C-alpha atoms as a PDB file:
ATOM      1  CA  UNK A   1      -0.175   0.027  -0.058  1.00  0.00           C
ATOM      2  CA  UNK A   2       1.483   3.903  -0.733  1.00  0.00           C
ATOM      3  CA  UNK A   3       1.850   6.030   1.093  1.00  0.00           C
ATOM      4  CA  UNK A   4       0.632   8.603  -1.036  1.00  0.00           C
ATOM      5  CA  UNK A   5      -0.814   9.736  -4.337  1.00  0.00           C
ATOM      6  CA  UNK A   6      -2.001  12.374  -6.669  1.00  0.00           C
ATOM      7  CA  UNK A   7      -5.134  13.994  -7.502  1.00  0.00           C
ATOM      8  CA  UNK A   8      -6.004  16.882  -9.651  1.00  0.00           C
ATOM      9  CA  UNK A   9      -7.480  19.762  -8.068  1.00  0.00           C
ATOM     10  CA  UNK A  10      -9.345  23.442 -10.383  1.00  0.00           C
ATOM     11  CA  UNK A  11      -6.569  25.538  -9.449  1.00  0.00           C
ATOM     12  CA  UNK A  12      -7.082  29.935  -9.354  1.00  0.00           C
ATOM     13  CA  UNK A  13      -5.719  32.250  -8.648  1.00  0.00           C
ATOM     14  CA  UNK A  14      -5.619  36.543  -8.480  1.00  0.00           C
ATOM     15  CA  UNK A  15      -9.654  35.022  -9.858  1.00  0.00           C
ATOM     16  CA  UNK A  16      -9.050  33.292 -12.406  1.00  0.00           C
ATOM     17  CA  UNK A  17      -9.583  29.708 -13.172  1.00  0.00           C
ATOM     18  CA  UNK A  18      -5.634  27.769 -14.488  1.00  0.00           C
ATOM     19  CA  UNK A  19      -4.777  25.199 -16.433  1.00  0.00           C
ATOM     20  CA  UNK A  20      -5.431  22.206 -13.844  1.00  0.00           C
ATOM     21  CA  UNK A  21      -2.556  21.045 -12.003  1.00  0.00           C
ATOM     22  CA  UNK A  22      -1.580  17.510 -10.272  1.00  0.00           C
ATOM     23  CA  UNK A  23      -0.503  17.031  -6.470  1.00  0.00           C
ATOM     24  CA  UNK A  24       1.366  14.014  -4.221  1.00  0.00           C
ATOM     25  CA  UNK A  25      -1.236  13.778  -1.803  1.00  0.00           C
ATOM     26  CA  UNK A  26      -1.124  11.454   1.352  1.00  0.00           C
ATOM     27  CA  UNK A  27      -2.970   8.293   1.747  1.00  0.00           C
ATOM     28  CA  UNK A  28      -4.838   7.694   4.505  1.00  0.00           C
ATOM     29  CA  UNK A  29      -5.553   4.911   5.602  1.00  0.00           C
ATOM     30  CA  UNK A  30      -7.483   2.982   8.787  1.00  0.00           C
ATOM     31  CA  UNK A  31      -5.052   1.380  10.857  1.00  0.00           C
ATOM     32  CA  UNK A  32      -6.250  -1.659  13.273  1.00  0.00           C
ATOM     33  CA  UNK A  33      -4.135  -2.716  16.109  1.00  0.00           C
ATOM     34  CA  UNK A  34      -5.055  -5.864  16.968  1.00  0.00           C
ATOM     35  CA  UNK A  35      -3.726  -8.021  19.999  1.00  0.00           C
ATOM     36  CA  UNK A  36      -3.570 -11.294  21.010  1.00  0.00           C
ATOM     37  CA  UNK A  37      -7.268 -11.962  19.508  1.00  0.00           C
ATOM     38  CA  UNK A  38      -9.173  -8.230  20.827  1.00  0.00           C
ATOM     39  CA  UNK A  39      -8.395  -4.713  18.132  1.00  0.00           C
ATOM     40  CA  UNK A  40      -6.691  -2.334  21.349  1.00  0.00           C
ATOM     41  CA  UNK A  41      -7.448   1.013  19.190  1.00  0.00           C
ATOM     42  CA  UNK A  42      -8.199   1.773  15.191  1.00  0.00           C
ATOM     43  CA  UNK A  43      -5.638   4.545  14.104  1.00  0.00           C
ATOM     44  CA  UNK A  44      -6.025   6.606  10.946  1.00  0.00           C
ATOM     45  CA  UNK A  45      -2.479   7.180  10.264  1.00  0.00           C
ATOM     46  CA  UNK A  46      -0.255   6.478   6.377  1.00  0.00           C
ATOM     47  CA  UNK A  47       0.502   2.556   5.523  1.00  0.00           C
ATOM     48  CA  UNK A  48       3.874   3.154   6.623  1.00  0.00           C
ATOM     49  CA  UNK A  49       6.414   1.725   8.799  1.00  0.00           C
ATOM     50  CA  UNK A  50       3.856  -0.707  10.495  1.00  0.00           C
ATOM     51  CA  UNK A  51       5.961  -2.618  12.743  1.00  0.00           C
ATOM     52  CA  UNK A  52       7.510   0.706  13.662  1.00  0.00           C
ATOM     53  CA  UNK A  53       4.058   3.001  14.198  1.00  0.00           C
ATOM     54  CA  UNK A  54       3.254  -0.707  16.386  1.00  0.00           C
ATOM     55  CA  UNK A  55       5.845  -1.105  18.750  1.00  0.00           C
ATOM     56  CA  UNK A  56       6.042   2.977  19.764  1.00  0.00           C
ATOM     57  CA  UNK A  57       2.695   2.907  20.431  1.00  0.00           C
ATOM     58  CA  UNK A  58       2.100  -0.334  22.847  1.00  0.00           C
ATOM     59  CA  UNK A  59       5.501   1.299  24.376  1.00  0.00           C
ATOM     60  CA  UNK A  60       4.311   4.997  24.455  1.00  0.00           C
ATOM     61  CA  UNK A  61       0.656   4.540  25.151  1.00  0.00           C
ATOM     62  CA  UNK A  62       1.350   2.224  28.308  1.00  0.00           C
ATOM     63  CA  UNK A  63       0.299  -1.734  26.425  1.00  0.00           C
ATOM     64  CA  UNK A  64       3.719  -3.248  25.693  1.00  0.00           C
ATOM     65  CA  UNK A  65       7.928  -3.727  27.020  1.00  0.00           C
ATOM     66  CA  UNK A  66       9.684  -4.240  23.772  1.00  0.00           C
ATOM     67  CA  UNK A  67      10.146  -7.946  25.254  1.00  0.00           C
ATOM     68  CA  UNK A  68       7.037  -8.336  25.700  1.00  0.00           C
ATOM     69  CA  UNK A  69       6.108  -8.403  21.580  1.00  0.00           C
ATOM     70  CA  UNK A  70       6.161 -11.617  20.622  1.00  0.00           C
ATOM     71  CA  UNK A  71       5.295 -10.499  16.783  1.00  0.00           C
ATOM     72  CA  UNK A  72       4.231  -8.012  14.197  1.00  0.00           C
ATOM     73  CA  UNK A  73       2.107  -8.998  11.134  1.00  0.00           C
ATOM     74  CA  UNK A  74       0.201  -5.839   8.906  1.00  0.00           C
ATOM     75  CA  UNK A  75      -2.679  -7.512   7.098  1.00  0.00           C
ATOM     76  CA  UNK A  76      -4.051  -6.419   4.632  1.00  0.00           C
ATOM     77  CA  UNK A  77      -7.885  -5.915   3.329  1.00  0.00           C
ATOM     78  CA  UNK A  78     -10.586  -4.300   2.247  1.00  0.00           C
ATOM     79  CA  UNK A  79     -11.107  -1.292   4.767  1.00  0.00           C
ATOM     80  CA  UNK A  80      -7.251  -0.661   5.479  1.00  0.00           C
ATOM     81  CA  UNK A  81      -5.080  -2.490   7.527  1.00  0.00           C
ATOM     82  CA  UNK A  82      -4.460  -4.881  10.348  1.00  0.00           C
ATOM     83  CA  UNK A  83      -1.635  -4.494  12.271  1.00  0.00           C
ATOM     84  CA  UNK A  84      -1.659  -8.239  14.691  1.00  0.00           C
ATOM     85  CA  UNK A  85       0.183  -8.416  17.393  1.00  0.00           C
ATOM     86  CA  UNK A  86       1.121 -10.901  19.658  1.00  0.00           C
ATOM     87  CA  UNK A  87       1.722 -10.028  23.413  1.00  0.00           C
ATOM     88  CA  UNK A  88       3.852 -11.519  25.532  1.00  0.00           C
ATOM     89  CA  UNK A  89       4.411 -11.566  29.516  1.00  0.00           C
ATOM     90  CA  UNK A  90       2.655  -8.793  31.832  1.00  0.00           C
ATOM     91  CA  UNK A  91       1.264  -7.397  28.706  1.00  0.00           C
ATOM     92  CA  UNK A  92      -1.444  -9.746  28.365  1.00  0.00           C
ATOM     93  CA  UNK A  93      -2.533  -9.313  32.221  1.00  0.00           C
ATOM     94  CA  UNK A  94      -2.010  -5.980  31.561  1.00  0.00           C
ATOM     95  CA  UNK A  95      -4.410  -6.387  28.552  1.00  0.00           C
ATOM     96  CA  UNK A  96      -7.257  -7.695  30.270  1.00  0.00           C
ATOM     97  CA  UNK A  97      -7.409  -5.208  32.988  1.00  0.00           C
ATOM     98  CA  UNK A  98      -7.091  -2.025  30.050  1.00  0.00           C
ATOM     99  CA  UNK A  99     -10.375  -2.673  27.146  1.00  0.00           C
ATOM    100  CA  UNK A 100      -9.468   0.832  24.377  1.00  0.00           C
ATOM    101  CA  UNK A 101     -11.394   0.934  20.931  1.00  0.00           C
ATOM    102  CA  UNK A 102     -10.289   3.649  19.171  1.00  0.00           C
ATOM    103  CA  UNK A 103     -12.802   4.907  16.362  1.00  0.00           C
ATOM    104  CA  UNK A 104     -11.398   8.194  15.927  1.00  0.00           C
ATOM    105  CA  UNK A 105      -9.747  10.889  14.356  1.00  0.00           C
ATOM    106  CA  UNK A 106      -6.297  11.873  13.232  1.00  0.00           C
ATOM    107  CA  UNK A 107      -3.277  10.394  15.582  1.00  0.00           C
ATOM    108  CA  UNK A 108      -6.561  10.701  17.944  1.00  0.00           C
ATOM    109  CA  UNK A 109      -4.590  10.999  21.318  1.00  0.00           C
ATOM    110  CA  UNK A 110      -7.322  10.113  24.397  1.00  0.00           C
ATOM    111  CA  UNK A 111      -9.711   8.503  22.331  1.00  0.00           C
ATOM    112  CA  UNK A 112     -11.163   5.748  23.476  1.00  0.00           C
ATOM    113  CA  UNK A 113      -9.565   5.961  27.187  1.00  0.00           C
ATOM    114  CA  UNK A 114     -12.234   4.674  29.665  1.00  0.00           C
ATOM    115  CA  UNK A 115     -12.081   7.118  32.355  1.00  0.00           C
ATOM    116  CA  UNK A 116     -10.087  10.735  33.464  1.00  0.00           C
ATOM    117  CA  UNK A 117      -7.944   8.974  35.209  1.00  0.00           C
ATOM    118  CA  UNK A 118      -6.703   6.360  33.080  1.00  0.00           C
ATOM    119  CA  UNK A 119      -5.922   9.794  31.263  1.00  0.00           C
ATOM    120  CA  UNK A 120      -4.231  11.412  33.507  1.00  0.00           C
ATOM    121  CA  UNK A 121      -2.392   8.021  34.391  1.00  0.00           C
ATOM    122  CA  UNK A 122       1.111   8.214  36.521  1.00  0.00           C
ATOM    123  CA  UNK A 123       4.222   8.489  33.709  1.00  0.00           C
ATOM    124  CA  UNK A 124       7.401   7.969  34.772  1.00  0.00           C
ATOM    125  CA  UNK A 125       9.988  11.142  35.305  1.00  0.00           C
ATOM    126  CA  UNK A 126      13.157  11.792  33.138  1.00  0.00           C
ATOM    127  CA  UNK A 127      14.518  13.912  35.793  1.00  0.00           C
ATOM    128  CA  UNK A 128      17.851  11.770  37.140  1.00  0.00           C
ATOM    129  CA  UNK A 129      18.259  11.949  33.397  1.00  0.00           C
ATOM    130  CA  UNK A 130      21.028  13.889  32.659  1.00  0.00           C
ATOM    131  CA  UNK A 131      20.666  14.368  28.631  1.00  0.00           C
ATOM    132  CA  UNK A 132      23.225  15.433  26.392  1.00  0.00           C
ATOM    133  CA  UNK A 133      24.955  18.242  26.722  1.00  0.00           C
ATOM    134  CA  UNK A 134      23.527  20.494  24.231  1.00  0.00           C
ATOM    135  CA  UNK A 135      24.257  23.257  23.169  1.00  0.00           C
ATOM    136  CA  UNK A 136      21.272  26.539  21.732  1.00  0.00           C
ATOM    137  CA  UNK A 137      24.226  25.757  18.797  1.00  0.00           C
ATOM    138  CA  UNK A 138      21.936  22.522  18.566  1.00  0.00           C
ATOM    139  CA  UNK A 139      19.119  23.128  19.290  1.00  0.00           C
ATOM    140  CA  UNK A 140      18.509  25.640  16.481  1.00  0.00           C
ATOM    141  CA  UNK A 141      20.339  23.292  14.855  1.00  0.00           C
ATOM    142  CA  UNK A 142      18.238  19.962  15.273  1.00  0.00           C
ATOM    143  CA  UNK A 143      15.780  22.934  13.515  1.00  0.00           C
ATOM    144  CA  UNK A 144      17.420  23.316  10.542  1.00  0.00           C
ATOM    145  CA  UNK A 145      18.304  20.065   9.462  1.00  0.00           C
ATOM    146  CA  UNK A 146      14.062  18.665  10.534  1.00  0.00           C
ATOM    147  CA  UNK A 147      12.623  19.672   7.230  1.00  0.00           C
ATOM    148  CA  UNK A 148      15.650  17.427   5.154  1.00  0.00           C
ATOM    149  CA  UNK A 149      14.671  14.235   6.726  1.00  0.00           C
ATOM    150  CA  UNK A 150      10.712  15.165   5.919  1.00  0.00           C
ATOM    151  CA  UNK A 151      10.059  13.578   1.735  1.00  0.00           C
ATOM    152  CA  UNK A 152       6.830  12.883   2.468  1.00  0.00           C
ATOM    153  CA  UNK A 153       5.943  16.248   3.823  1.00  0.00           C
ATOM    154  CA  UNK A 154       7.811  17.774   1.007  1.00  0.00           C
ATOM    155  CA  UNK A 155       6.077  16.114  -1.462  1.00  0.00           C
ATOM    156  CA  UNK A 156       2.950  16.990  -0.139  1.00  0.00           C
ATOM    157  CA  UNK A 157       2.810  19.787   2.484  1.00  0.00           C
ATOM    158  CA  UNK A 158      -0.154  17.542   4.804  1.00  0.00           C
ATOM    159  CA  UNK A 159       1.695  15.649   7.620  1.00  0.00           C
ATOM    160  CA  UNK A 160       3.917  15.937  10.038  1.00  0.00           C
ATOM    161  CA  UNK A 161       7.001  14.930  11.100  1.00  0.00           C
ATOM    162  CA  UNK A 162       9.551  13.007  14.505  1.00  0.00           C
ATOM    163  CA  UNK A 163      13.036  12.423  14.442  1.00  0.00           C
ATOM    164  CA  UNK A 164      15.697  12.267  16.165  1.00  0.00           C
ATOM    165  CA  UNK A 165      18.419  14.598  17.040  1.00  0.00           C
ATOM    166  CA  UNK A 166      21.747  14.107  18.954  1.00  0.00           C
ATOM    167  CA  UNK A 167      24.823  16.061  19.594  1.00  0.00           C
ATOM    168  CA  UNK A 168      27.584  14.000  18.205  1.00  0.00           C
ATOM    169  CA  UNK A 169      25.439  12.627  15.180  1.00  0.00           C
ATOM    170  CA  UNK A 170      22.952  14.983  14.365  1.00  0.00           C
ATOM    171  CA  UNK A 171      19.137  13.500  13.121  1.00  0.00           C
ATOM    172  CA  UNK A 172      19.598   9.572  13.377  1.00  0.00           C
ATOM    173  CA  UNK A 173      15.820   8.640  12.789  1.00  0.00           C
ATOM    174  CA  UNK A 174      12.918  10.807  12.128  1.00  0.00           C
ATOM    175  CA  UNK A 175       9.593   9.399  10.455  1.00  0.00           C
ATOM    176  CA  UNK A 176       6.651  10.708   9.027  1.00  0.00           C
ATOM    177  CA  UNK A 177       2.809  10.458   9.275  1.00  0.00           C
ATOM    178  CA  UNK A 178      -0.526  12.074   8.335  1.00  0.00           C
ATOM    179  CA  UNK A 179      -0.902  12.039  12.445  1.00  0.00           C
ATOM    180  CA  UNK A 180       1.074  13.759  14.568  1.00  0.00           C
ATOM    181  CA  UNK A 181       0.864  10.961  17.911  1.00  0.00           C
ATOM    182  CA  UNK A 182       1.437   8.319  14.931  1.00  0.00           C
ATOM    183  CA  UNK A 183       4.713  10.478  13.767  1.00  0.00           C
ATOM    184  CA  UNK A 184       5.417   9.844  16.860  1.00  0.00           C
ATOM    185  CA  UNK A 185       4.710   6.223  17.679  1.00  0.00           C
ATOM    186  CA  UNK A 186       6.437   5.121  14.538  1.00  0.00           C
ATOM    187  CA  UNK A 187      10.469   7.117  15.857  1.00  0.00           C
ATOM    188  CA  UNK A 188       9.665   5.862  19.419  1.00  0.00           C
ATOM    189  CA  UNK A 189       9.836   2.422  17.131  1.00  0.00           C
ATOM    190  CA  UNK A 190      12.018   2.737  14.639  1.00  0.00           C
ATOM    191  CA  UNK A 191      14.876   4.248  18.440  1.00  0.00           C
ATOM    192  CA  UNK A 192      14.069   0.367  19.491  1.00  0.00           C
ATOM    193  CA  UNK A 193      14.490  -1.526  16.331  1.00  0.00           C
ATOM    194  CA  UNK A 194      17.549   0.633  15.976  1.00  0.00           C
ATOM    195  CA  UNK A 195      19.042   0.063  19.574  1.00  0.00           C
ATOM    196  CA  UNK A 196      18.975   4.141  19.930  1.00  0.00           C
ATOM    197  CA  UNK A 197      19.116   4.946  23.672  1.00  0.00           C
ATOM    198  CA  UNK A 198      16.306   8.174  23.672  1.00  0.00           C
ATOM    199  CA  UNK A 199      18.368   9.887  26.887  1.00  0.00           C
ATOM    200  CA  UNK A 200      20.565  10.575  24.722  1.00  0.00           C
ATOM    201  CA  UNK A 201      19.590  12.752  22.605  1.00  0.00           C
ATOM    202  CA  UNK A 202      15.479  14.748  22.107  1.00  0.00           C
ATOM    203  CA  UNK A 203      12.799  13.959  20.471  1.00  0.00           C
ATOM    204  CA  UNK A 204      11.922  16.910  17.309  1.00  0.00           C
ATOM    205  CA  UNK A 205       8.301  17.781  16.296  1.00  0.00           C
ATOM    206  CA  UNK A 206       6.860  19.365  14.047  1.00  0.00           C
ATOM    207  CA  UNK A 207       3.135  19.908  15.587  1.00  0.00           C
ATOM    208  CA  UNK A 208       1.709  21.294  19.148  1.00  0.00           C
ATOM    209  CA  UNK A 209       3.061  20.469  22.653  1.00  0.00           C
ATOM    210  CA  UNK A 210      -0.320  18.684  24.358  1.00  0.00           C
ATOM    211  CA  UNK A 211      -0.529  16.295  27.512  1.00  0.00           C
ATOM    212  CA  UNK A 212      -0.670  13.600  25.622  1.00  0.00           C
ATOM    213  CA  UNK A 213       2.793  14.168  22.832  1.00  0.00           C
ATOM    214  CA  UNK A 214       4.386  14.443  26.387  1.00  0.00           C
ATOM    215  CA  UNK A 215       2.836  11.559  28.154  1.00  0.00           C
ATOM    216  CA  UNK A 216       4.806   9.782  25.827  1.00  0.00           C
ATOM    217  CA  UNK A 217       7.550  11.635  25.137  1.00  0.00           C
ATOM    218  CA  UNK A 218       8.419  11.098  28.834  1.00  0.00           C
ATOM    219  CA  UNK A 219       7.832   6.652  28.457  1.00  0.00           C
ATOM    220  CA  UNK A 220      10.224   6.647  25.748  1.00  0.00           C
ATOM    221  CA  UNK A 221      12.812   7.684  27.874  1.00  0.00           C
ATOM    222  CA  UNK A 222      14.146  10.520  26.467  1.00  0.00           C
ATOM    223  CA  UNK A 223      14.757  14.115  27.997  1.00  0.00           C
ATOM    224  CA  UNK A 224      13.620  17.059  25.855  1.00  0.00           C
ATOM    225  CA  UNK A 225      11.622  17.977  23.905  1.00  0.00           C
ATOM    226  CA  UNK A 226      11.929  20.844  21.171  1.00  0.00           C
ATOM    227  CA  UNK A 227       8.474  21.080  18.852  1.00  0.00           C
ATOM    228  CA  UNK A 228       7.484  23.950  16.084  1.00  0.00           C
ATOM    229  CA  UNK A 229       4.634  24.967  17.696  1.00  0.00           C
ATOM    230  CA  UNK A 230       3.266  26.651  21.331  1.00  0.00           C
ATOM    231  CA  UNK A 231       3.162  23.437  24.101  1.00  0.00           C
ATOM    232  CA  UNK A 232       0.293  23.284  26.563  1.00  0.00           C
ATOM    233  CA  UNK A 233      -0.389  24.537  29.663  1.00  0.00           C
ATOM    234  CA  UNK A 234      -1.178  21.161  31.034  1.00  0.00           C
ATOM    235  CA  UNK A 235       1.465  20.224  29.044  1.00  0.00           C
ATOM    236  CA  UNK A 236       4.360  21.649  30.785  1.00  0.00           C
ATOM    237  CA  UNK A 237       2.774  20.822  34.151  1.00  0.00           C
ATOM    238  CA  UNK A 238       3.219  17.610  33.264  1.00  0.00           C
ATOM    239  CA  UNK A 239       6.771  18.194  32.070  1.00  0.00           C
ATOM    240  CA  UNK A 240       8.257  19.948  34.950  1.00  0.00           C
ATOM    241  CA  UNK A 241       6.631  17.508  37.596  1.00  0.00           C
ATOM    242  CA  UNK A 242       8.480  13.870  35.590  1.00  0.00           C
ATOM    243  CA  UNK A 243      11.682  16.216  35.104  1.00  0.00           C
ATOM    244  CA  UNK A 244      11.281  16.809  31.116  1.00  0.00           C
ATOM    245  CA  UNK A 245      13.113  19.835  28.733  1.00  0.00           C
ATOM    246  CA  UNK A 246      10.669  21.871  26.618  1.00  0.00           C
ATOM    247  CA  UNK A 247      11.425  23.745  23.727  1.00  0.00           C
ATOM    248  CA  UNK A 248       8.229  24.903  21.969  1.00  0.00           C
ATOM    249  CA  UNK A 249       8.020  28.219  19.074  1.00  0.00           C
ATOM    250  CA  UNK A 250      11.972  26.480  17.418  1.00  0.00           C
ATOM    251  CA  UNK A 251      11.766  28.277  14.274  1.00  0.00           C
ATOM    252  CA  UNK A 252      15.269  29.207  12.966  1.00  0.00           C
ATOM    253  CA  UNK A 253      17.891  30.913  15.778  1.00  0.00           C
ATOM    254  CA  UNK A 254      14.602  31.605  18.082  1.00  0.00           C
ATOM    255  CA  UNK A 255      12.791  29.618  20.379  1.00  0.00           C
ATOM    256  CA  UNK A 256      11.787  29.576  24.010  1.00  0.00           C
ATOM    257  CA  UNK A 257      12.865  27.172  26.878  1.00  0.00           C
ATOM    258  CA  UNK A 258       9.519  26.682  29.518  1.00  0.00           C
ATOM    259  CA  UNK A 259      11.045  23.756  31.631  1.00  0.00           C
ATOM    260  CA  UNK A 260      13.329  22.262  32.426  1.00  0.00           C
ATOM    261  CA  UNK A 261      16.260  25.098  31.550  1.00  0.00           C
ATOM    262  CA  UNK A 262      19.559  23.239  32.305  1.00  0.00           C
ATOM    263  CA  UNK A 263      19.842  21.030  30.006  1.00  0.00           C
ATOM    264  CA  UNK A 264      20.667  23.296  26.597  1.00  0.00           C
ATOM    265  CA  UNK A 265      23.659  25.061  28.415  1.00  0.00           C
ATOM    266  CA  UNK A 266      23.923  28.708  27.654  1.00  0.00           C
ATOM    267  CA  UNK A 267      27.123  31.317  28.767  1.00  0.00           C
ATOM    268  CA  UNK A 268      24.283  33.642  29.540  1.00  0.00           C
ATOM    269  CA  UNK A 269      24.975  33.687  33.844  1.00  0.00           C
ATOM    270  CA  UNK A 270      21.054  35.413  34.249  1.00  0.00           C
ATOM    271  CA  UNK A 271      19.645  32.291  32.139  1.00  0.00           C
ATOM    272  CA  UNK A 272      16.476  31.172  34.970  1.00  0.00           C
ATOM    273  CA  UNK A 273      14.113  28.762  34.901  1.00  0.00           C
ATOM    274  CA  UNK A 274      11.246  29.897  33.847  1.00  0.00           C
ATOM    275  CA  UNK A 275       8.190  29.971  36.430  1.00  0.00           C
ATOM    276  CA  UNK A 276       4.841  27.855  35.833  1.00  0.00           C
ATOM    277  CA  UNK A 277       2.715  30.395  38.021  1.00  0.00           C
ATOM    278  CA  UNK A 278      -0.925  30.580  38.157  1.00  0.00           C
ATOM    279  CA  UNK A 279      -1.408  33.933  36.809  1.00  0.00           C
END
């Protein structure tokens, strides 16, 4: 199944019709994640990097650790894709306690959660992770490199991206999807598949920083999250409590550090931690 296809459109410029044009557009299909015979989620996403998606989703949703995933088999059906997953060990008991059925919008982050307690489930802390020696120049370099790892976005202008950056090696891995959560899940799965330690770098995303994106990054074990868009206030509350450095509004040489600025080491002696007191 292809990740994109071409469609023709009728164009207008300055109020006048122009010659029909063709556009490469991303494919969007229903992707079911079926664990031990039971469908746990149905997401709308890009039909690529499916093993990475399944592995990353299971980890960042707290359903399974990588060593509890015995097999992943993508099956193409009349209505989309079914990722048939075999889980072993403690993951089997976890599934019995948590029923999710998510037939929702593109990469919906909390669709199908059955209670507020489940939505705000405890997240692991990354406060004890020192992280790499990041400089302001590293943040700017990471954001500058990100577009060069987004070929599907270049072709379609309609997908999100997520990438992993280290000061020593630049961008090591990147993934794309029509859903921002899916792109992040695919990246996390790729990190696992390639034995990359998230604690040694930063995760980059092209979207806003919402609370569910912070939860996923915490479960992945990355100490730094860099986004081109802004965070929500609740996302920063969670990040602050659990030791995650959040950098947002990153464009060119400009960016804002919202939580735990100590990981971005600047020579500027006036650097102070931001206050998140209610106003």
